[in-house]
């Protein structure tokens, strides 16, 4: 199974490029001013053949964002960059 990241960004592809550079697959979606991916954006990817998995333990709201930030900070601290 190939696993990738759906990266939503207001204007740029900078985060998706970092993900790809780290060795993972990424699909960039520009959210055009919104700060999140909405259901229609995810559905469009599913219609293009992507199998989309949604979280069932970690919340999709600010709690999930906080967890992601904590994981990223721990990885940066561990790797020194």
N, C-alpha and C. Protein backbone atom coordinates (compact mmCIF):
# COMPACT_ATOMS: atom_id res chain seq x y z
N UNK A 1 0.83 -1.16 0.00
CA UNK A 1 0.00 0.00 0.00
C UNK A 1 0.89 1.24 0.00
N UNK A 2 0.62 2.15 -0.90
CA UNK A 2 1.32 3.44 -0.90
C UNK A 2 0.55 4.41 -0.03
N UNK A 3 1.25 5.12 0.80
CA UNK A 3 0.63 6.10 1.68
C UNK A 3 1.19 7.46 1.33
N UNK A 4 0.34 8.44 1.29
CA UNK A 4 0.77 9.79 0.99
C UNK A 4 0.03 10.79 1.86
N UNK A 5 0.32 12.03 1.62
CA UNK A 5 -0.22 13.12 2.40
C UNK A 5 -1.03 14.04 1.48
N UNK A 6 -2.22 14.41 1.93
CA UNK A 6 -2.97 15.46 1.26
C UNK A 6 -2.62 16.75 1.98
N UNK A 7 -1.92 17.62 1.31
CA UNK A 7 -1.42 18.84 1.92
C UNK A 7 -2.26 20.01 1.45
N UNK A 8 -2.94 20.64 2.38
CA UNK A 8 -3.73 21.83 2.07
C UNK A 8 -2.98 23.07 2.47
N UNK A 9 -2.92 24.03 1.60
CA UNK A 9 -2.22 25.27 1.89
C UNK A 9 -2.98 26.41 1.26
N UNK A 10 -2.90 27.57 1.86
CA UNK A 10 -3.64 28.72 1.35
C UNK A 10 -3.15 29.12 -0.03
N UNK A 11 -1.83 29.17 -0.25
CA UNK A 11 -1.32 29.64 -1.54
C UNK A 11 -0.16 28.86 -2.12
N UNK A 12 0.66 28.26 -1.29
CA UNK A 12 1.91 27.70 -1.80
C UNK A 12 1.94 26.19 -1.72
N UNK A 13 2.96 25.62 -2.30
CA UNK A 13 3.18 24.17 -2.21
C UNK A 13 4.41 23.86 -1.36
N UNK A 14 4.85 24.82 -0.53
CA UNK A 14 6.08 24.66 0.24
C UNK A 14 6.05 23.43 1.16
N UNK A 15 4.94 23.22 1.87
CA UNK A 15 4.87 22.08 2.78
C UNK A 15 4.85 20.77 2.01
N UNK A 16 4.11 20.71 0.91
CA UNK A 16 4.08 19.49 0.09
C UNK A 16 5.47 19.19 -0.45
N UNK A 17 6.20 20.21 -0.86
CA UNK A 17 7.55 20.01 -1.37
C UNK A 17 8.46 19.45 -0.29
N UNK A 18 8.30 19.92 0.96
CA UNK A 18 9.10 19.38 2.07
C UNK A 18 8.76 17.91 2.32
N UNK A 19 7.48 17.58 2.23
CA UNK A 19 7.04 16.20 2.45
C UNK A 19 7.64 15.29 1.37
N UNK A 20 7.57 15.73 0.12
CA UNK A 20 8.13 14.96 -0.99
C UNK A 20 9.64 14.81 -0.83
N UNK A 21 10.30 15.90 -0.45
CA UNK A 21 11.76 15.87 -0.24
C UNK A 21 12.13 14.87 0.86
N UNK A 22 11.25 14.70 1.84
CA UNK A 22 11.51 13.75 2.94
C UNK A 22 11.25 12.31 2.51
N UNK A 23 10.70 12.10 1.30
CA UNK A 23 10.55 10.76 0.78
C UNK A 23 9.13 10.22 0.75
N UNK A 24 8.15 11.03 1.10
CA UNK A 24 6.76 10.58 1.07
C UNK A 24 6.05 11.17 -0.15
N UNK A 25 4.95 10.55 -0.52
CA UNK A 25 4.12 11.10 -1.59
C UNK A 25 3.24 12.20 -1.01
N UNK A 26 2.95 13.21 -1.81
CA UNK A 26 2.07 14.29 -1.36
C UNK A 26 1.26 14.80 -2.54
N UNK A 27 0.01 15.14 -2.26
CA UNK A 27 -0.86 15.79 -3.22
C UNK A 27 -1.15 17.18 -2.67
N UNK A 28 -0.88 18.20 -3.45
CA UNK A 28 -1.09 19.57 -3.01
C UNK A 28 -2.48 20.05 -3.40
N UNK A 29 -3.19 20.61 -2.44
CA UNK A 29 -4.46 21.29 -2.71
C UNK A 29 -4.33 22.71 -2.18
N UNK A 30 -4.47 23.69 -3.06
CA UNK A 30 -4.48 25.07 -2.61
C UNK A 30 -5.90 25.43 -2.19
N UNK A 31 -6.04 25.90 -0.95
CA UNK A 31 -7.35 26.16 -0.37
C UNK A 31 -7.85 27.57 -0.65
N UNK A 32 -7.08 28.37 -1.36
CA UNK A 32 -7.51 29.71 -1.80
C UNK A 32 -8.09 30.56 -0.69
N UNK A 33 -7.37 30.69 0.38
CA UNK A 33 -7.77 31.59 1.45
C UNK A 33 -8.37 30.90 2.65
N UNK A 34 -8.85 29.69 2.50
CA UNK A 34 -9.37 28.95 3.65
C UNK A 34 -8.20 28.30 4.37
N UNK A 35 -8.39 27.97 5.61
CA UNK A 35 -7.28 27.39 6.38
C UNK A 35 -7.44 25.89 6.59
N UNK A 36 -8.32 25.26 5.84
CA UNK A 36 -8.53 23.83 6.03
C UNK A 36 -9.01 23.19 4.73
N UNK A 37 -8.90 21.88 4.69
CA UNK A 37 -9.47 21.11 3.59
C UNK A 37 -10.92 20.83 3.93
N UNK A 38 -11.81 21.02 2.98
CA UNK A 38 -13.20 20.70 3.27
C UNK A 38 -13.60 19.38 2.61
N UNK A 39 -14.79 18.93 2.91
CA UNK A 39 -15.26 17.64 2.41
C UNK A 39 -15.26 17.54 0.90
N UNK A 40 -15.59 18.63 0.21
CA UNK A 40 -15.62 18.60 -1.25
C UNK A 40 -14.22 18.40 -1.84
N UNK A 41 -13.20 18.98 -1.21
CA UNK A 41 -11.83 18.81 -1.67
C UNK A 41 -11.40 17.34 -1.53
N UNK A 42 -11.74 16.75 -0.39
CA UNK A 42 -11.38 15.35 -0.15
C UNK A 42 -12.16 14.44 -1.10
N UNK A 43 -13.44 14.74 -1.30
CA UNK A 43 -14.26 13.94 -2.20
C UNK A 43 -13.70 13.98 -3.63
N UNK A 44 -13.21 15.15 -4.05
CA UNK A 44 -12.63 15.27 -5.39
C UNK A 44 -11.42 14.35 -5.54
N UNK A 45 -10.61 14.24 -4.50
CA UNK A 45 -9.47 13.31 -4.55
C UNK A 45 -9.95 11.87 -4.61
N UNK A 46 -10.96 11.54 -3.84
CA UNK A 46 -11.51 10.18 -3.87
C UNK A 46 -12.04 9.86 -5.26
N UNK A 47 -12.65 10.83 -5.91
CA UNK A 47 -13.18 10.63 -7.26
C UNK A 47 -12.06 10.45 -8.28
N UNK A 48 -10.84 10.88 -7.95
CA UNK A 48 -9.69 10.70 -8.84
C UNK A 48 -8.98 9.38 -8.57
N UNK A 49 -9.55 8.56 -7.68
CA UNK A 49 -8.97 7.24 -7.44
C UNK A 49 -8.18 7.11 -6.15
N UNK A 50 -8.06 8.17 -5.39
CA UNK A 50 -7.36 8.08 -4.11
C UNK A 50 -8.26 7.42 -3.09
N UNK A 51 -7.69 6.52 -2.29
CA UNK A 51 -8.43 5.95 -1.18
C UNK A 51 -8.12 6.82 0.03
N UNK A 52 -9.13 7.48 0.53
CA UNK A 52 -8.95 8.45 1.61
C UNK A 52 -9.29 7.80 2.94
N UNK A 53 -8.36 7.88 3.86
CA UNK A 53 -8.58 7.38 5.22
C UNK A 53 -8.76 8.58 6.13
N UNK A 54 -9.74 8.52 7.00
CA UNK A 54 -9.96 9.61 7.93
C UNK A 54 -9.66 9.14 9.34
N UNK A 55 -9.25 10.05 10.20
CA UNK A 55 -8.90 9.66 11.56
C UNK A 55 -10.12 9.19 12.35
N UNK A 56 -9.91 8.21 13.21
CA UNK A 56 -11.00 7.74 14.06
C UNK A 56 -10.64 7.84 15.54
N UNK A 57 -9.38 8.10 15.86
CA UNK A 57 -8.98 8.23 17.26
C UNK A 57 -8.60 9.68 17.55
N UNK A 58 -7.82 10.28 16.69
CA UNK A 58 -7.39 11.66 16.87
C UNK A 58 -8.47 12.57 16.28
N UNK A 59 -8.89 13.59 17.00
CA UNK A 59 -9.93 14.47 16.47
C UNK A 59 -9.43 15.26 15.25
N UNK A 60 -10.36 15.62 14.39
CA UNK A 60 -10.00 16.36 13.18
C UNK A 60 -10.00 17.86 13.41
N UNK A 61 -10.27 18.30 14.61
CA UNK A 61 -10.32 19.73 14.89
C UNK A 61 -9.00 20.18 15.52
N UNK A 62 -9.05 21.20 16.36
CA UNK A 62 -7.83 21.76 16.95
C UNK A 62 -7.03 20.74 17.76
N UNK A 63 -7.72 19.75 18.34
CA UNK A 63 -7.00 18.72 19.10
C UNK A 63 -6.05 17.93 18.21
N UNK A 64 -6.48 17.61 17.00
CA UNK A 64 -5.62 16.90 16.05
C UNK A 64 -4.48 17.77 15.57
N UNK A 65 -4.77 19.05 15.37
CA UNK A 65 -3.71 19.97 14.96
C UNK A 65 -2.66 20.06 16.05
N UNK A 66 -3.10 20.17 17.30
CA UNK A 66 -2.16 20.25 18.42
C UNK A 66 -1.30 19.00 18.51
N UNK A 67 -1.90 17.85 18.30
CA UNK A 67 -1.13 16.61 18.32
C UNK A 67 -0.09 16.61 17.20
N UNK A 68 -0.49 17.04 16.01
CA UNK A 68 0.45 17.11 14.89
C UNK A 68 1.60 18.06 15.17
N UNK A 69 1.30 19.19 15.79
CA UNK A 69 2.35 20.14 16.13
C UNK A 69 3.31 19.55 17.16
N UNK A 70 2.77 18.80 18.12
CA UNK A 70 3.63 18.17 19.13
C UNK A 70 4.53 17.11 18.50
N UNK A 71 3.97 16.32 17.59
CA UNK A 71 4.77 15.29 16.91
C UNK A 71 5.86 15.94 16.06
N UNK A 72 5.51 17.01 15.34
CA UNK A 72 6.51 17.71 14.52
C UNK A 72 7.62 18.30 15.39
N UNK A 73 7.24 18.91 16.50
CA UNK A 73 8.25 19.50 17.40
C UNK A 73 9.17 18.43 17.97
N UNK A 74 8.61 17.28 18.32
CA UNK A 74 9.45 16.18 18.84
C UNK A 74 10.41 15.68 17.78
N UNK A 75 9.94 15.59 16.53
CA UNK A 75 10.81 15.12 15.44
C UNK A 75 11.92 16.12 15.18
N UNK A 76 11.60 17.40 15.22
CA UNK A 76 12.62 18.42 15.00
C UNK A 76 13.64 18.39 16.12
N UNK A 77 13.16 18.27 17.35
CA UNK A 77 14.07 18.22 18.51
C UNK A 77 14.98 16.99 18.43
N UNK A 78 14.42 15.87 18.01
CA UNK A 78 15.20 14.62 17.92
C UNK A 78 16.24 14.70 16.80
N UNK A 79 15.85 15.29 15.67
CA UNK A 79 16.73 15.31 14.50
C UNK A 79 17.60 16.56 14.44
N UNK A 80 17.31 17.53 15.27
CA UNK A 80 18.13 18.73 15.31
C UNK A 80 17.96 19.67 14.14
N UNK A 81 16.84 19.59 13.42
CA UNK A 81 16.61 20.55 12.33
C UNK A 81 15.14 20.85 12.17
